[in-house]
C-alpha cells in the first residue's frame, strides 16, 4: 500500500476520534481499510510461501507444501 494512502487512512481514523465522519469519508476509509487488509494478507502469504520448518531430525518442510498436501505435519 502506498505511503500516501496509508497516511490518509491514519488521518481519517484520527478525524473519526474527534468527530463523526461524513458518508463520503466513511466510504473512503472503508475502501482504504480493505486495500490495507489485502496488502497485509498478500505480504503474509508471500512470507509463508518461502518459510521452511526444520524438524528435530533435520528434515525440512516448506509451509506451502503443508498447505497443498492437506496434512498437518506439525507435531
PDB file of N, CA and C in Angstrom:
ATOM      1  N   UNK A   1       0.850  -1.167   0.000  1.00  0.00           N
ATOM      2  CA  UNK A   1       0.000   0.000   0.000  1.00  0.00           C
ATOM      3  C   UNK A   1       0.903   1.239   0.000  1.00  0.00           C
ATOM      4  N   UNK A   2       0.525   2.199  -0.789  1.00  0.00           N
ATOM      5  CA  UNK A   2       1.312   3.420  -0.904  1.00  0.00           C
ATOM      6  C   UNK A   2       1.283   4.215   0.407  1.00  0.00           C
ATOM      7  N   UNK A   3       2.393   4.882   0.679  1.00  0.00           N
ATOM      8  CA  UNK A   3       2.523   5.672   1.898  1.00  0.00           C
ATOM      9  C   UNK A   3       1.451   6.762   1.979  1.00  0.00           C
ATOM     10  N   UNK A   4       1.133   7.371   0.850  1.00  0.00           N
ATOM     11  CA  UNK A   4       0.124   8.446   0.828  1.00  0.00           C
ATOM     12  C   UNK A   4      -1.235   7.894   1.273  1.00  0.00           C
ATOM     13  N   UNK A   5      -1.597   6.718   0.785  1.00  0.00           N
ATOM     14  CA  UNK A   5      -2.885   6.123   1.148  1.00  0.00           C
ATOM     15  C   UNK A   5      -2.899   5.719   2.618  1.00  0.00           C
ATOM     16  N   UNK A   6      -1.785   5.196   3.099  1.00  0.00           N
ATOM     17  CA  UNK A   6      -1.702   4.803   4.498  1.00  0.00           C
ATOM     18  C   UNK A   6      -1.817   6.030   5.403  1.00  0.00           C
ATOM     19  N   UNK A   7      -1.170   7.114   5.004  1.00  0.00           N
ATOM     20  CA  UNK A   7      -1.288   8.358   5.765  1.00  0.00           C
ATOM     21  C   UNK A   7      -2.722   8.870   5.768  1.00  0.00           C
ATOM     22  N   UNK A   8      -3.400   8.754   4.635  1.00  0.00           N
ATOM     23  CA  UNK A   8      -4.798   9.207   4.559  1.00  0.00           C
ATOM     24  C   UNK A   8      -5.686   8.356   5.465  1.00  0.00           C
ATOM     25  N   UNK A   9      -5.434   7.056   5.503  1.00  0.00           N
ATOM     26  CA  UNK A   9      -6.194   6.176   6.381  1.00  0.00           C
ATOM     27  C   UNK A   9      -5.978   6.579   7.840  1.00  0.00           C
ATOM     28  N   UNK A  10      -4.751   6.862   8.205  1.00  0.00           N
ATOM     29  CA  UNK A  10      -4.453   7.310   9.571  1.00  0.00           C
ATOM     30  C   UNK A  10      -5.141   8.634   9.870  1.00  0.00           C
ATOM     31  N   UNK A  11      -5.137   9.520   8.895  1.00  0.00           N
ATOM     32  CA  UNK A  11      -5.789  10.824   9.058  1.00  0.00           C
ATOM     33  C   UNK A  11      -7.288  10.662   9.288  1.00  0.00           C
ATOM     34  N   UNK A  12      -7.921   9.815   8.497  1.00  0.00           N
ATOM     35  CA  UNK A  12      -9.361   9.585   8.659  1.00  0.00           C
ATOM     36  C   UNK A  12      -9.670   8.962  10.018  1.00  0.00           C
ATOM     37  N   UNK A  13      -8.809   8.082  10.474  1.00  0.00           N
ATOM     38  CA  UNK A  13      -9.008   7.470  11.785  1.00  0.00           C
ATOM     39  C   UNK A  13      -8.904   8.522  12.885  1.00  0.00           C
ATOM     40  N   UNK A  14      -7.920   9.400  12.767  1.00  0.00           N
ATOM     41  CA  UNK A  14      -7.765  10.481  13.756  1.00  0.00           C
ATOM     42  C   UNK A  14      -8.972  11.409  13.744  1.00  0.00           C
ATOM     43  N   UNK A  15      -9.463  11.720  12.558  1.00  0.00           N
ATOM     44  CA  UNK A  15     -10.641  12.586  12.436  1.00  0.00           C
ATOM     45  C   UNK A  15     -11.858  11.932  13.089  1.00  0.00           C
ATOM     46  N   UNK A  16     -11.993  10.618  12.890  1.00  0.00           N
ATOM     47  CA  UNK A  16     -13.160   9.915  13.434  1.00  0.00           C
ATOM     48  C   UNK A  16     -13.179   9.919  14.952  1.00  0.00           C
ATOM     49  N   UNK A  17     -12.018  10.099  15.563  1.00  0.00           N
ATOM     50  CA  UNK A  17     -11.951  10.170  17.027  1.00  0.00           C
ATOM     51  C   UNK A  17     -12.417  11.532  17.542  1.00  0.00           C
ATOM     52  N   UNK A  18     -12.361  12.534  16.672  1.00  0.00           N
ATOM     53  CA  UNK A  18     -12.739  13.887  17.067  1.00  0.00           C
ATOM     54  C   UNK A  18     -14.177  14.224  16.708  1.00  0.00           C
ATOM     55  N   UNK A  19     -14.635  13.670  15.566  1.00  0.00           N
ATOM     56  CA  UNK A  19     -16.000  13.974  15.114  1.00  0.00           C
ATOM     57  C   UNK A  19     -16.508  12.820  14.250  1.00  0.00           C
ATOM     58  N   UNK A  20     -17.782  12.861  13.992  1.00  0.00           N
ATOM     59  CA  UNK A  20     -18.407  11.864  13.113  1.00  0.00           C
ATOM     60  C   UNK A  20     -17.928  12.101  11.681  1.00  0.00           C
ATOM     61  N   UNK A  21     -17.539  11.036  11.000  1.00  0.00           N
ATOM     62  CA  UNK A  21     -17.132  11.153   9.601  1.00  0.00           C
ATOM     63  C   UNK A  21     -18.360  11.329   8.711  1.00  0.00           C
ATOM     64  N   UNK A  22     -18.174  12.034   7.614  1.00  0.00           N
ATOM     65  CA  UNK A  22     -19.250  12.150   6.630  1.00  0.00           C
ATOM     66  C   UNK A  22     -19.379  10.814   5.910  1.00  0.00           C
ATOM     67  N   UNK A  23     -20.446  10.643   5.181  1.00  0.00           N
ATOM     68  CA  UNK A  23     -20.660   9.399   4.438  1.00  0.00           C
ATOM     69  C   UNK A  23     -19.526   9.161   3.438  1.00  0.00           C
ATOM     70  N   UNK A  24     -19.091  10.223   2.777  1.00  0.00           N
ATOM     71  CA  UNK A  24     -18.002  10.092   1.801  1.00  0.00           C
ATOM     72  C   UNK A  24     -16.697   9.689   2.488  1.00  0.00           C
ATOM     73  N   UNK A  25     -16.438  10.263   3.657  1.00  0.00           N
ATOM     74  CA  UNK A  25     -15.225   9.917   4.406  1.00  0.00           C
ATOM     75  C   UNK A  25     -15.279   8.481   4.906  1.00  0.00           C
ATOM     76  N   UNK A  26     -16.453   8.051   5.365  1.00  0.00           N
ATOM     77  CA  UNK A  26     -16.605   6.662   5.816  1.00  0.00           C
ATOM     78  C   UNK A  26     -16.359   5.699   4.668  1.00  0.00           C
ATOM     79  N   UNK A  27     -16.894   6.023   3.499  1.00  0.00           N
ATOM     80  CA  UNK A  27     -16.707   5.186   2.324  1.00  0.00           C
ATOM     81  C   UNK A  27     -15.227   5.123   1.935  1.00  0.00           C
ATOM     82  N   UNK A  28     -14.575   6.272   1.946  1.00  0.00           N
ATOM     83  CA  UNK A  28     -13.147   6.329   1.609  1.00  0.00           C
ATOM     84  C   UNK A  28     -12.328   5.519   2.614  1.00  0.00           C
ATOM     85  N   UNK A  29     -12.645   5.660   3.892  1.00  0.00           N
ATOM     86  CA  UNK A  29     -11.922   4.926   4.940  1.00  0.00           C
ATOM     87  C   UNK A  29     -12.102   3.421   4.767  1.00  0.00           C
ATOM     88  N   UNK A  30     -13.321   2.995   4.463  1.00  0.00           N
ATOM     89  CA  UNK A  30     -13.584   1.566   4.278  1.00  0.00           C
ATOM     90  C   UNK A  30     -12.802   1.009   3.090  1.00  0.00           C
ATOM     91  N   UNK A  31     -12.766   1.762   1.992  1.00  0.00           N
ATOM     92  CA  UNK A  31     -12.005   1.322   0.817  1.00  0.00           C
ATOM     93  C   UNK A  31     -10.512   1.226   1.138  1.00  0.00           C
ATOM     94  N   UNK A  32     -10.002   2.215   1.862  1.00  0.00           N
ATOM     95  CA  UNK A  32      -8.585   2.188   2.240  1.00  0.00           C
ATOM     96  C   UNK A  32      -8.290   1.040   3.201  1.00  0.00           C
ATOM     97  N   UNK A  33      -9.203   0.767   4.124  1.00  0.00           N
ATOM     98  CA  UNK A  33      -9.018  -0.361   5.045  1.00  0.00           C
ATOM     99  C   UNK A  33      -8.964  -1.687   4.289  1.00  0.00           C
ATOM    100  N   UNK A  34      -9.858  -1.852   3.329  1.00  0.00           N
ATOM    101  CA  UNK A  34      -9.872  -3.094   2.556  1.00  0.00           C
ATOM    102  C   UNK A  34      -8.585  -3.254   1.754  1.00  0.00           C
ATOM    103  N   UNK A  35      -8.113  -2.164   1.170  1.00  0.00           N
ATOM    104  CA  UNK A  35      -6.857  -2.217   0.419  1.00  0.00           C
ATOM    105  C   UNK A  35      -5.698  -2.567   1.361  1.00  0.00           C
ATOM    106  N   UNK A  36      -5.712  -1.996   2.556  1.00  0.00           N
ATOM    107  CA  UNK A  36      -4.665  -2.280   3.542  1.00  0.00           C
ATOM    108  C   UNK A  36      -4.708  -3.756   3.942  1.00  0.00           C
ATOM    109  N   UNK A  37      -5.890  -4.264   4.199  1.00  0.00           N
ATOM    110  CA  UNK A  37      -6.030  -5.687   4.575  1.00  0.00           C
ATOM    111  C   UNK A  37      -5.515  -6.596   3.469  1.00  0.00           C
ATOM    112  N   UNK A  38      -5.893  -6.298   2.220  1.00  0.00           N
ATOM    113  CA  UNK A  38      -5.416  -7.112   1.096  1.00  0.00           C
ATOM    114  C   UNK A  38      -3.890  -7.069   1.010  1.00  0.00           C
ATOM    115  N   UNK A  39      -3.324  -5.916   1.258  1.00  0.00           N
ATOM    116  CA  UNK A  39      -1.872  -5.755   1.230  1.00  0.00           C
ATOM    117  C   UNK A  39      -1.202  -6.598   2.315  1.00  0.00           C
ATOM    118  N   UNK A  40      -1.736  -6.559   3.526  1.00  0.00           N
ATOM    119  CA  UNK A  40      -1.176  -7.327   4.638  1.00  0.00           C
ATOM    120  C   UNK A  40      -1.289  -8.824   4.364  1.00  0.00           C
ATOM    121  N   UNK A  41      -2.432  -9.259   3.881  1.00  0.00           N
ATOM    122  CA  UNK A  41      -2.631 -10.684   3.591  1.00  0.00           C
ATOM    123  C   UNK A  41      -1.683 -11.148   2.492  1.00  0.00           C
ATOM    124  N   UNK A  42      -1.527 -10.345   1.443  1.00  0.00           N
ATOM    125  CA  UNK A  42      -0.616 -10.709   0.356  1.00  0.00           C
ATOM    126  C   UNK A  42       0.820 -10.796   0.864  1.00  0.00           C
ATOM    127  N   UNK A  43       1.216  -9.869   1.716  1.00  0.00           N
ATOM    128  CA  UNK A  43       2.558  -9.867   2.272  1.00  0.00           C
ATOM    129  C   UNK A  43       2.785 -11.114   3.128  1.00  0.00           C
ATOM    130  N   UNK A  44       1.846 -11.421   3.998  1.00  0.00           N
ATOM    131  CA  UNK A  44       1.966 -12.593   4.863  1.00  0.00           C
ATOM    132  C   UNK A  44       1.993 -13.877   4.052  1.00  0.00           C
ATOM    133  N   UNK A  45       1.139 -13.966   3.049  1.00  0.00           N
ATOM    134  CA  UNK A  45       1.112 -15.145   2.189  1.00  0.00           C
ATOM    135  C   UNK A  45       2.458 -15.331   1.505  1.00  0.00           C
ATOM    136  N   UNK A  46       3.025 -14.239   1.005  1.00  0.00           N
ATOM    137  CA  UNK A  46       4.336 -14.310   0.361  1.00  0.00           C
ATOM    138  C   UNK A  46       5.415 -14.794   1.311  1.00  0.00           C
ATOM    139  N   UNK A  47       5.380 -14.325   2.551  1.00  0.00           N
ATOM    140  CA  UNK A  47       6.357 -14.766   3.539  1.00  0.00           C
ATOM    141  C   UNK A  47       6.201 -16.247   3.849  1.00  0.00           C
ATOM    142  N   UNK A  48       4.968 -16.688   4.016  1.00  0.00           N
ATOM    143  CA  UNK A  48       4.731 -18.098   4.345  1.00  0.00           C
ATOM    144  C   UNK A  48       5.099 -19.022   3.191  1.00  0.00           C
ATOM    145  N   UNK A  49       4.935 -18.548   1.965  1.00  0.00           N
ATOM    146  CA  UNK A  49       5.301 -19.350   0.798  1.00  0.00           C
ATOM    147  C   UNK A  49       6.794 -19.689   0.803  1.00  0.00           C
ATOM    148  N   UNK A  50       7.595 -18.846   1.437  1.00  0.00           N
ATOM    149  CA  UNK A  50       9.039 -19.040   1.440  1.00  0.00           C
ATOM    150  C   UNK A  50       9.586 -19.437   2.811  1.00  0.00           C
ATOM    151  N   UNK A  51       8.711 -19.900   3.701  1.00  0.00           N
ATOM    152  CA  UNK A  51       9.125 -20.316   5.041  1.00  0.00           C
ATOM    153  C   UNK A  51       9.313 -21.822   5.077  1.00  0.00           C
ATOM    154  N   UNK A  52      10.394 -22.249   5.721  1.00  0.00           N
ATOM    155  CA  UNK A  52      10.693 -23.676   5.861  1.00  0.00           C
ATOM    156  C   UNK A  52      10.813 -24.005   7.340  1.00  0.00           C
ATOM    157  N   UNK A  53      10.202 -25.107   7.736  1.00  0.00           N
ATOM    158  CA  UNK A  53      10.291 -25.586   9.114  1.00  0.00           C
ATOM    159  C   UNK A  53      11.337 -26.689   9.144  1.00  0.00           C
ATOM    160  N   UNK A  54      12.289 -26.570  10.069  1.00  0.00           N
ATOM    161  CA  UNK A  54      13.318 -27.594  10.215  1.00  0.00           C
ATOM    162  C   UNK A  54      12.930 -28.468  11.398  1.00  0.00           C
ATOM    163  N   UNK A  55      12.695 -29.739  11.118  1.00  0.00           N
ATOM    164  CA  UNK A  55      12.321 -30.705  12.145  1.00  0.00           C
ATOM    165  C   UNK A  55      13.549 -31.097  12.966  1.00  0.00           C
ATOM    166  N   UNK A  56      13.349 -31.661  14.182  1.00  0.00           N
ATOM    167  CA  UNK A  56      14.490 -32.084  15.014  1.00  0.00           C
ATOM    168  C   UNK A  56      15.416 -33.079  14.309  1.00  0.00           C
ATOM    169  N   UNK A  57      14.867 -33.889  13.408  1.00  0.00           N
ATOM    170  CA  UNK A  57      15.701 -34.865  12.697  1.00  0.00           C
ATOM    171  C   UNK A  57      16.459 -34.238  11.525  1.00  0.00           C
ATOM    172  N   UNK A  58      16.280 -32.938  11.310  1.00  0.00           N
ATOM    173  CA  UNK A  58      16.999 -32.234  10.252  1.00  0.00           C
ATOM    174  C   UNK A  58      16.226 -32.112   8.946  1.00  0.00           C
ATOM    175  N   UNK A  59      15.092 -32.793   8.847  1.00  0.00           N
ATOM    176  CA  UNK A  59      14.312 -32.703   7.622  1.00  0.00           C
ATOM    177  C   UNK A  59      13.665 -31.320   7.534  1.00  0.00           C
ATOM    178  N   UNK A  60      13.435 -30.895   6.318  1.00  0.00           N
ATOM    179  CA  UNK A  60      12.859 -29.564   6.086  1.00  0.00           C
ATOM    180  C   UNK A  60      11.501 -29.709   5.416  1.00  0.00           C
ATOM    181  N   UNK A  61      10.550 -28.931   5.895  1.00  0.00           N
ATOM    182  CA  UNK A  61       9.204 -28.953   5.339  1.00  0.00           C
ATOM    183  C   UNK A  61       8.829 -27.520   4.978  1.00  0.00           C
ATOM    184  N   UNK A  62       8.478 -27.301   3.722  1.00  0.00           N
ATOM    185  CA  UNK A  62       8.014 -25.981   3.314  1.00  0.00           C
ATOM    186  C   UNK A  62       6.579 -25.799   3.794  1.00  0.00           C
ATOM    187  N   UNK A  63       6.281 -24.636   4.330  1.00  0.00           N
ATOM    188  CA  UNK A  63       4.930 -24.347   4.805  1.00  0.00           C
ATOM    189  C   UNK A  63       3.948 -24.433   3.633  1.00  0.00           C
ATOM    190  N   UNK A  64       4.375 -23.988   2.461  1.00  0.00           N
ATOM    191  CA  UNK A  64       3.491 -24.032   1.290  1.00  0.00           C
ATOM    192  C   UNK A  64       3.154 -25.472   0.910  1.00  0.00           C
ATOM    193  N   UNK A  65       4.086 -26.412   1.116  1.00  0.00           N
ATOM    194  CA  UNK A  65       3.806 -27.822   0.832  1.00  0.00           C
ATOM    195  C   UNK A  65       2.815 -28.398   1.833  1.00  0.00           C
ATOM    196  N   UNK A  66       2.885 -27.940   3.072  1.00  0.00           N
ATOM    197  CA  UNK A  66       1.951 -28.410   4.092  1.00  0.00           C
ATOM    198  C   UNK A  66       0.535 -28.009   3.720  1.00  0.00           C
ATOM    199  N   UNK A  67       0.377 -26.817   3.224  1.00  0.00           N
ATOM    200  CA  UNK A  67      -0.944 -26.323   2.842  1.00  0.00           C
ATOM    201  C   UNK A  67      -1.499 -27.125   1.671  1.00  0.00           C
ATOM    202  N   UNK A  68      -0.662 -27.357   0.676  1.00  0.00           N
ATOM    203  CA  UNK A  68      -1.126 -28.067  -0.516  1.00  0.00           C
ATOM    204  C   UNK A  68      -1.446 -29.517  -0.269  1.00  0.00           C
ATOM    205  N   UNK A  69      -0.675 -30.168   0.601  1.00  0.00           N
ATOM    206  CA  UNK A  69      -0.886 -31.590   0.833  1.00  0.00           C
ATOM    207  C   UNK A  69      -2.107 -31.851   1.702  1.00  0.00           C
ATOM    208  N   UNK A  70      -2.510 -30.862   2.474  1.00  0.00           N
ATOM    209  CA  UNK A  70      -3.671 -31.037   3.326  1.00  0.00           C
ATOM    210  C   UNK A  70      -3.363 -31.798   4.592  1.00  0.00           C
ATOM    211  N   UNK A  71      -2.107 -32.118   4.813  1.00  0.00           N
ATOM    212  CA  UNK A  71      -1.726 -32.856   6.002  1.00  0.00           C
ATOM    213  C   UNK A  71      -1.210 -31.903   7.068  1.00  0.00           C
ATOM    214  N   UNK A  72      -1.478 -32.230   8.289  1.00  0.00           N
ATOM    215  CA  UNK A  72      -0.950 -31.439   9.395  1.00  0.00           C
ATOM    216  C   UNK A  72       0.343 -32.096   9.840  1.00  0.00           C
ATOM    217  N   UNK A  73       1.473 -31.575   9.379  1.00  0.00           N
ATOM    218  CA  UNK A  73       2.766 -32.177   9.682  1.00  0.00           C
ATOM    219  C   UNK A  73       3.398 -31.599  10.934  1.00  0.00           C
ATOM    220  N   UNK A  74       2.762 -30.608  11.517  1.00  0.00           N
ATOM    221  CA  UNK A  74       3.305 -30.025  12.753  1.00  0.00           C
ATOM    222  C   UNK A  74       2.872 -30.891  13.922  1.00  0.00           C
ATOM    223  N   UNK A  75       3.824 -31.285  14.735  1.00  0.00           N
ATOM    224  CA  UNK A  75       3.531 -32.194  15.843  1.00  0.00           C
ATOM    225  C   UNK A  75       3.169 -31.440  17.088  1.00  0.00           C
TER     226      UNK A  75
END
